[in-house]
Structures are given as structure tokens and as C-alpha cells.
PDB file of N, CA and C in Angstrom:
ATOM      1  N   MET A   1      70.196 132.593  73.185  1.00  0.00           N
ATOM      2  CA  MET A   1      71.533 132.359  73.677  1.00  0.00           C
ATOM      3  C   MET A   1      71.548 131.410  74.877  1.00  0.00           C
ATOM      4  N   ARG A   2      70.549 131.510  75.747  1.00  0.00           N
ATOM      5  CA  ARG A   2      70.537 130.675  76.940  1.00  0.00           C
ATOM      6  C   ARG A   2      70.588 129.201  76.585  1.00  0.00           C
ATOM      7  N   GLN A   3      69.833 128.803  75.573  1.00  0.00           N
ATOM      8  CA  GLN A   3      69.824 127.396  75.207  1.00  0.00           C
ATOM      9  C   GLN A   3      71.221 126.935  74.808  1.00  0.00           C
ATOM     10  N   GLN A   4      71.953 127.703  74.046  1.00  0.00           N
ATOM     11  CA  GLN A   4      73.315 127.327  73.665  1.00  0.00           C
ATOM     12  C   GLN A   4      74.200 127.198  74.908  1.00  0.00           C
ATOM     13  N   ALA A   5      74.042 128.110  75.847  1.00  0.00           N
ATOM     14  CA  ALA A   5      74.823 128.033  77.082  1.00  0.00           C
ATOM     15  C   ALA A   5      74.493 126.751  77.840  1.00  0.00           C
ATOM     16  N   ASP A   6      73.224 126.342  77.851  1.00  0.00           N
ATOM     17  CA  ASP A   6      72.831 125.099  78.504  1.00  0.00           C
ATOM     18  C   ASP A   6      73.519 123.913  77.844  1.00  0.00           C
ATOM     19  N   PHE A   7      73.553 123.909  76.523  1.00  0.00           N
ATOM     20  CA  PHE A   7      74.226 122.827  75.805  1.00  0.00           C
ATOM     21  C   PHE A   7      75.690 122.755  76.231  1.00  0.00           C
ATOM     22  N   ASN A   8      76.352 123.895  76.262  1.00  0.00           N
ATOM     23  CA  ASN A   8      77.758 123.910  76.620  1.00  0.00           C
ATOM     24  C   ASN A   8      77.977 123.364  78.023  1.00  0.00           C
ATOM     25  N   ARG A   9      77.089 123.684  78.939  1.00  0.00           N
ATOM     26  CA  ARG A   9      77.234 123.163  80.293  1.00  0.00           C
ATOM     27  C   ARG A   9      77.085 121.652  80.324  1.00  0.00           C
ATOM     28  N   ILE A  10      76.184 121.104  79.545  1.00  0.00           N
ATOM     29  CA  ILE A  10      76.003 119.652  79.508  1.00  0.00           C
ATOM     30  C   ILE A  10      77.284 118.996  78.992  1.00  0.00           C
ATOM     31  N   LYS A  11      77.819 119.527  77.925  1.00  0.00           N
ATOM     32  CA  LYS A  11      79.049 118.970  77.346  1.00  0.00           C
ATOM     33  C   LYS A  11      80.203 119.087  78.340  1.00  0.00           C
ATOM     34  N   GLN A  12      80.351 120.256  78.937  1.00  0.00           N
ATOM     35  CA  GLN A  12      81.439 120.471  79.896  1.00  0.00           C
ATOM     36  C   GLN A  12      81.257 119.622  81.153  1.00  0.00           C
ATOM     37  N   TRP A  13      80.045 119.335  81.502  1.00  0.00           N
ATOM     38  CA  TRP A  13      79.744 118.529  82.673  1.00  0.00           C
ATOM     39  C   TRP A  13      79.998 117.048  82.404  1.00  0.00           C
ATOM     40  N   LEU A  14      79.596 116.574  81.225  1.00  0.00           N
ATOM     41  CA  LEU A  14      79.615 115.144  80.932  1.00  0.00           C
ATOM     42  C   LEU A  14      81.002 114.610  80.586  1.00  0.00           C
ATOM     43  N   GLU A  15      81.739 115.284  79.740  1.00  0.00           N
ATOM     44  CA  GLU A  15      83.022 114.759  79.274  1.00  0.00           C
ATOM     45  C   GLU A  15      83.996 114.426  80.408  1.00  0.00           C
ATOM     46  N   PRO A  16      84.202 115.322  81.378  1.00  0.00           N
ATOM     47  CA  PRO A  16      85.139 114.981  82.459  1.00  0.00           C
ATOM     48  C   PRO A  16      84.664 113.807  83.318  1.00  0.00           C
ATOM     49  N   LYS A  17      83.372 113.704  83.517  1.00  0.00           N
ATOM     50  CA  LYS A  17      82.838 112.610  84.326  1.00  0.00           C
ATOM     51  C   LYS A  17      83.058 111.266  83.631  1.00  0.00           C
ATOM     52  N   LEU A  18      82.834 111.231  82.337  1.00  0.00           N
ATOM     53  CA  LEU A  18      83.081 109.993  81.599  1.00  0.00           C
ATOM     54  C   LEU A  18      84.558 109.626  81.667  1.00  0.00           C
ATOM     55  N   GLY A  19      85.415 110.617  81.481  1.00  0.00           N
ATOM     56  CA  GLY A  19      86.855 110.371  81.549  1.00  0.00           C
ATOM     57  C   GLY A  19      87.289 109.869  82.920  1.00  0.00           C
ATOM     58  N   ALA A  20      86.776 110.476  83.974  1.00  0.00           N
ATOM     59  CA  ALA A  20      87.139 110.091  85.337  1.00  0.00           C
ATOM     60  C   ALA A  20      86.695 108.663  85.654  1.00  0.00           C
ATOM     61  N   MET A  21      85.586 108.245  85.051  1.00  0.00           N
ATOM     62  CA  MET A  21      85.071 106.897  85.299  1.00  0.00           C
ATOM     63  C   MET A  21      85.601 105.883  84.291  1.00  0.00           C
ATOM     64  N   GLY A  22      86.377 106.359  83.322  1.00  0.00           N
ATOM     65  CA  GLY A  22      86.911 105.462  82.298  1.00  0.00           C
ATOM     66  C   GLY A  22      85.839 104.914  81.374  1.00  0.00           C
ATOM     67  N   LEU A  23      84.786 105.704  81.168  1.00  0.00           N
ATOM     68  CA  LEU A  23      83.678 105.261  80.312  1.00  0.00           C
ATOM     69  C   LEU A  23      83.786 105.895  78.927  1.00  0.00           C
ATOM     70  N   THR A  24      83.590 105.097  77.927  1.00  0.00           N
ATOM     71  CA  THR A  24      83.448 105.636  76.577  1.00  0.00           C
ATOM     72  C   THR A  24      82.002 106.094  76.424  1.00  0.00           C
ATOM     73  N   PRO A  25      81.737 106.981  75.488  1.00  0.00           N
ATOM     74  CA  PRO A  25      80.340 107.360  75.251  1.00  0.00           C
ATOM     75  C   PRO A  25      79.465 106.148  74.903  1.00  0.00           C
ATOM     76  N   GLU A  26      80.032 105.183  74.201  1.00  0.00           N
ATOM     77  CA  GLU A  26      79.271 103.986  73.828  1.00  0.00           C
ATOM     78  C   GLU A  26      78.869 103.185  75.061  1.00  0.00           C
ATOM     79  N   ARG A  27      79.823 102.957  75.955  1.00  0.00           N
ATOM     80  CA  ARG A  27      79.542 102.200  77.183  1.00  0.00           C
ATOM     81  C   ARG A  27      78.554 102.972  78.072  1.00  0.00           C
ATOM     82  N   PHE A  28      78.755 104.265  78.176  1.00  0.00           N
ATOM     83  CA  PHE A  28      77.842 105.104  78.961  1.00  0.00           C
ATOM     84  C   PHE A  28      76.422 105.016  78.406  1.00  0.00           C
ATOM     85  N   ALA A  29      76.289 105.070  77.094  1.00  0.00           N
ATOM     86  CA  ALA A  29      74.970 104.960  76.462  1.00  0.00           C
ATOM     87  C   ALA A  29      74.308 103.637  76.831  1.00  0.00           C
ATOM     88  N   ARG A  30      75.068 102.543  76.769  1.00  0.00           N
ATOM     89  CA  ARG A  30      74.495 101.235  77.124  1.00  0.00           C
ATOM     90  C   ARG A  30      74.040 101.215  78.579  1.00  0.00           C
ATOM     91  N   LEU A  31      74.870 101.744  79.470  1.00  0.00           N
ATOM     92  CA  LEU A  31      74.516 101.754  80.895  1.00  0.00           C
ATOM     93  C   LEU A  31      73.273 102.596  81.165  1.00  0.00           C
ATOM     94  N   CYS A  32      73.099 103.653  80.387  1.00  0.00           N
ATOM     95  CA  CYS A  32      71.942 104.543  80.548  1.00  0.00           C
ATOM     96  C   CYS A  32      70.722 104.057  79.768  1.00  0.00           C
ATOM     97  N   LYS A  33      70.909 102.989  78.994  1.00  0.00           N
ATOM     98  CA  LYS A  33      69.845 102.478  78.122  1.00  0.00           C
ATOM     99  C   LYS A  33      69.402 103.546  77.120  1.00  0.00           C
ATOM    100  N   LEU A  34      70.423 104.203  76.535  1.00  0.00           N
ATOM    101  CA  LEU A  34      70.208 105.221  75.513  1.00  0.00           C
ATOM    102  C   LEU A  34      70.986 104.818  74.268  1.00  0.00           C
ATOM    103  N   SER A  35      70.673 105.474  73.179  1.00  0.00           N
ATOM    104  CA  SER A  35      71.443 105.204  71.970  1.00  0.00           C
ATOM    105  C   SER A  35      72.779 105.935  72.037  1.00  0.00           C
ATOM    106  N   ARG A  36      73.746 105.366  71.385  1.00  0.00           N
ATOM    107  CA  ARG A  36      75.070 105.998  71.277  1.00  0.00           C
ATOM    108  C   ARG A  36      74.933 107.358  70.599  1.00  0.00           C
ATOM    109  N   THR A  37      74.059 107.424  69.617  1.00  0.00           N
ATOM    110  CA  THR A  37      73.828 108.673  68.888  1.00  0.00           C
ATOM    111  C   THR A  37      73.326 109.762  69.831  1.00  0.00           C
ATOM    112  N   SER A  38      72.430 109.412  70.733  1.00  0.00           N
ATOM    113  CA  SER A  38      71.909 110.410  71.687  1.00  0.00           C
ATOM    114  C   SER A  38      73.035 111.017  72.501  1.00  0.00           C
ATOM    115  N   ILE A  39      73.919 110.184  73.008  1.00  0.00           N
ATOM    116  CA  ILE A  39      75.030 110.693  73.820  1.00  0.00           C
ATOM    117  C   ILE A  39      75.909 111.608  72.990  1.00  0.00           C
ATOM    118  N   TYR A  40      76.215 111.216  71.773  1.00  0.00           N
ATOM    119  CA  TYR A  40      77.030 112.072  70.906  1.00  0.00           C
ATOM    120  C   TYR A  40      76.314 113.388  70.595  1.00  0.00           C
ATOM    121  N   PHE A  41      75.013 113.331  70.389  1.00  0.00           N
ATOM    122  CA  PHE A  41      74.263 114.568  70.130  1.00  0.00           C
ATOM    123  C   PHE A  41      74.337 115.510  71.330  1.00  0.00           C
ATOM    124  N   TYR A  42      74.252 114.970  72.545  1.00  0.00           N
ATOM    125  CA  TYR A  42      74.368 115.815  73.733  1.00  0.00           C
ATOM    126  C   TYR A  42      75.768 116.412  73.826  1.00  0.00           C
ATOM    127  N   MET A  43      76.771 115.605  73.537  1.00  0.00           N
ATOM    128  CA  MET A  43      78.146 116.062  73.656  1.00  0.00           C
ATOM    129  C   MET A  43      78.547 117.035  72.538  1.00  0.00           C
ATOM    130  N   GLU A  44      77.863 116.950  71.419  1.00  0.00           N
ATOM    131  CA  GLU A  44      78.175 117.838  70.291  1.00  0.00           C
ATOM    132  C   GLU A  44      77.184 118.997  70.174  1.00  0.00           C
ATOM    133  N   ASP A  45      76.395 119.194  71.205  1.00  0.00           N
ATOM    134  CA  ASP A  45      75.477 120.327  71.266  1.00  0.00           C
ATOM    135  C   ASP A  45      74.391 120.312  70.187  1.00  0.00           C
ATOM    136  N   VAL A  46      74.015 119.121  69.765  1.00  0.00           N
ATOM    137  CA  VAL A  46      72.977 118.999  68.737  1.00  0.00           C
ATOM    138  C   VAL A  46      71.591 118.962  69.378  1.00  0.00           C
ATOM    139  N   SER A  47      71.478 118.287  70.518  1.00  0.00           N
ATOM    140  CA  SER A  47      70.191 118.207  71.211  1.00  0.00           C
ATOM    141  C   SER A  47      70.434 118.173  72.707  1.00  0.00           C
ATOM    142  N   ARG A  48      69.346 118.309  73.459  1.00  0.00           N
ATOM    143  CA  ARG A  48      69.448 118.293  74.913  1.00  0.00           C
ATOM    144  C   ARG A  48      68.710 117.082  75.471  1.00  0.00           C
ATOM    145  N   PRO A  49      69.214 116.545  76.557  1.00  0.00           N
ATOM    146  CA  PRO A  49      68.524 115.417  77.177  1.00  0.00           C
ATOM    147  C   PRO A  49      67.255 115.874  77.895  1.00  0.00           C
ATOM    148  N   THR A  50      66.292 114.991  77.926  1.00  0.00           N
ATOM    149  CA  THR A  50      65.073 115.257  78.685  1.00  0.00           C
ATOM    150  C   THR A  50      65.380 115.107  80.175  1.00  0.00           C
ATOM    151  N   GLU A  51      64.444 115.489  81.001  1.00  0.00           N
ATOM    152  CA  GLU A  51      64.613 115.332  82.448  1.00  0.00           C
ATOM    153  C   GLU A  51      64.795 113.857  82.810  1.00  0.00           C
ATOM    154  N   GLU A  52      64.017 112.992  82.178  1.00  0.00           N
ATOM    155  CA  GLU A  52      64.134 111.549  82.429  1.00  0.00           C
ATOM    156  C   GLU A  52      65.522 111.047  82.041  1.00  0.00           C
ATOM    157  N   THR A  53      66.017 111.511  80.902  1.00  0.00           N
ATOM    158  CA  THR A  53      67.342 111.104  80.444  1.00  0.00           C
ATOM    159  C   THR A  53      68.425 111.608  81.383  1.00  0.00           C
ATOM    160  N   MET A  54      68.302 112.855  81.833  1.00  0.00           N
ATOM    161  CA  MET A  54      69.285 113.392  82.776  1.00  0.00           C
ATOM    162  C   MET A  54      69.275 112.589  84.078  1.00  0.00           C
ATOM    163  N   THR A  55      68.097 112.154  84.506  1.00  0.00           N
ATOM    164  CA  THR A  55      67.992 111.327  85.709  1.00  0.00           C
ATOM    165  C   THR A  55      68.757 110.025  85.515  1.00  0.00           C
ATOM    166  N   ARG A  56      68.582 109.385  84.380  1.00  0.00           N
ATOM    167  CA  ARG A  56      69.312 108.141  84.083  1.00  0.00           C
ATOM    168  C   ARG A  56      70.818 108.377  84.073  1.00  0.00           C
ATOM    169  N   MET A  57      71.228 109.456  83.397  1.00  0.00           N
ATOM    170  CA  MET A  57      72.644 109.757  83.283  1.00  0.00           C
ATOM    171  C   MET A  57      73.259 110.002  84.659  1.00  0.00           C
ATOM    172  N   CYS A  58      72.575 110.778  85.491  1.00  0.00           N
ATOM    173  CA  CYS A  58      73.074 111.065  86.837  1.00  0.00           C
ATOM    174  C   CYS A  58      73.150 109.797  87.680  1.00  0.00           C
ATOM    175  N   ARG A  59      72.174 108.942  87.536  1.00  0.00           N
ATOM    176  CA  ARG A  59      72.163 107.687  88.287  1.00  0.00           C
ATOM    177  C   ARG A  59      73.383 106.841  87.926  1.00  0.00           C
ATOM    178  N   VAL A  60      73.662 106.722  86.634  1.00  0.00           N
ATOM    179  CA  VAL A  60      74.818 105.936  86.192  1.00  0.00           C
ATOM    180  C   VAL A  60      76.121 106.572  86.669  1.00  0.00           C
ATOM    181  N   LEU A  61      76.185 107.890  86.644  1.00  0.00           N
ATOM    182  CA  LEU A  61      77.408 108.577  87.052  1.00  0.00           C
ATOM    183  C   LEU A  61      77.541 108.691  88.579  1.00  0.00           C
ATOM    184  N   GLY A  62      76.449 108.414  89.293  1.00  0.00           N
ATOM    185  CA  GLY A  62      76.483 108.494  90.751  1.00  0.00           C
ATOM    186  C   GLY A  62      76.546 109.911  91.275  1.00  0.00           C
ATOM    187  N   VAL A  63      75.899 110.823  90.553  1.00  0.00           N
ATOM    188  CA  VAL A  63      75.883 112.226  90.973  1.00  0.00           C
ATOM    189  C   VAL A  63      74.444 112.663  91.181  1.00  0.00           C
ATOM    190  N   PRO A  64      74.222 113.636  92.064  1.00  0.00           N
ATOM    191  CA  PRO A  64      72.848 114.135  92.248  1.00  0.00           C
ATOM    192  C   PRO A  64      72.369 114.897  91.033  1.00  0.00           C
ATOM    193  N   LEU A  65      71.083 114.875  90.799  1.00  0.00           N
ATOM    194  CA  LEU A  65      70.476 115.576  89.678  1.00  0.00           C
ATOM    195  C   LEU A  65      70.446 117.005  89.913  1.00  0.00           C
TER     196      LEU A  65
END
């Protein structure tokens, strides 16, 4: 169950930040140097980002890790 809860937190954390910055998932993926599919998988609870990926995402969003 914990893993599912982690997925939900990632989705709940990411969507509002993208909206606030006016970023589409596609644009965010490009800025993070990730595939568009990866971002959608994170947002749809299919997979989780690695620590390195989370670091990239936080850097682009300007938030602490």
C-alpha cells in the first residue's frame, strides 16, 4: 500500500506545480530532459521517478528536493 500512496503524492505534488507555472507535461519533460511518456507515467501512477529524475524535476520547478 505504501508504494501506491507514494505514487499518489507524486501526482498530487506535480500537477498543481505544472499548472501554476503554465507548463504542459510535454514542455516539462523537455525542460527536465525526460521523455513525455515518463512524465505521463508518473502522473498516471504507472511508475515512479528515480532520485536523479526527482532532482531534475525539482530543479526545473525551482523547489527543494
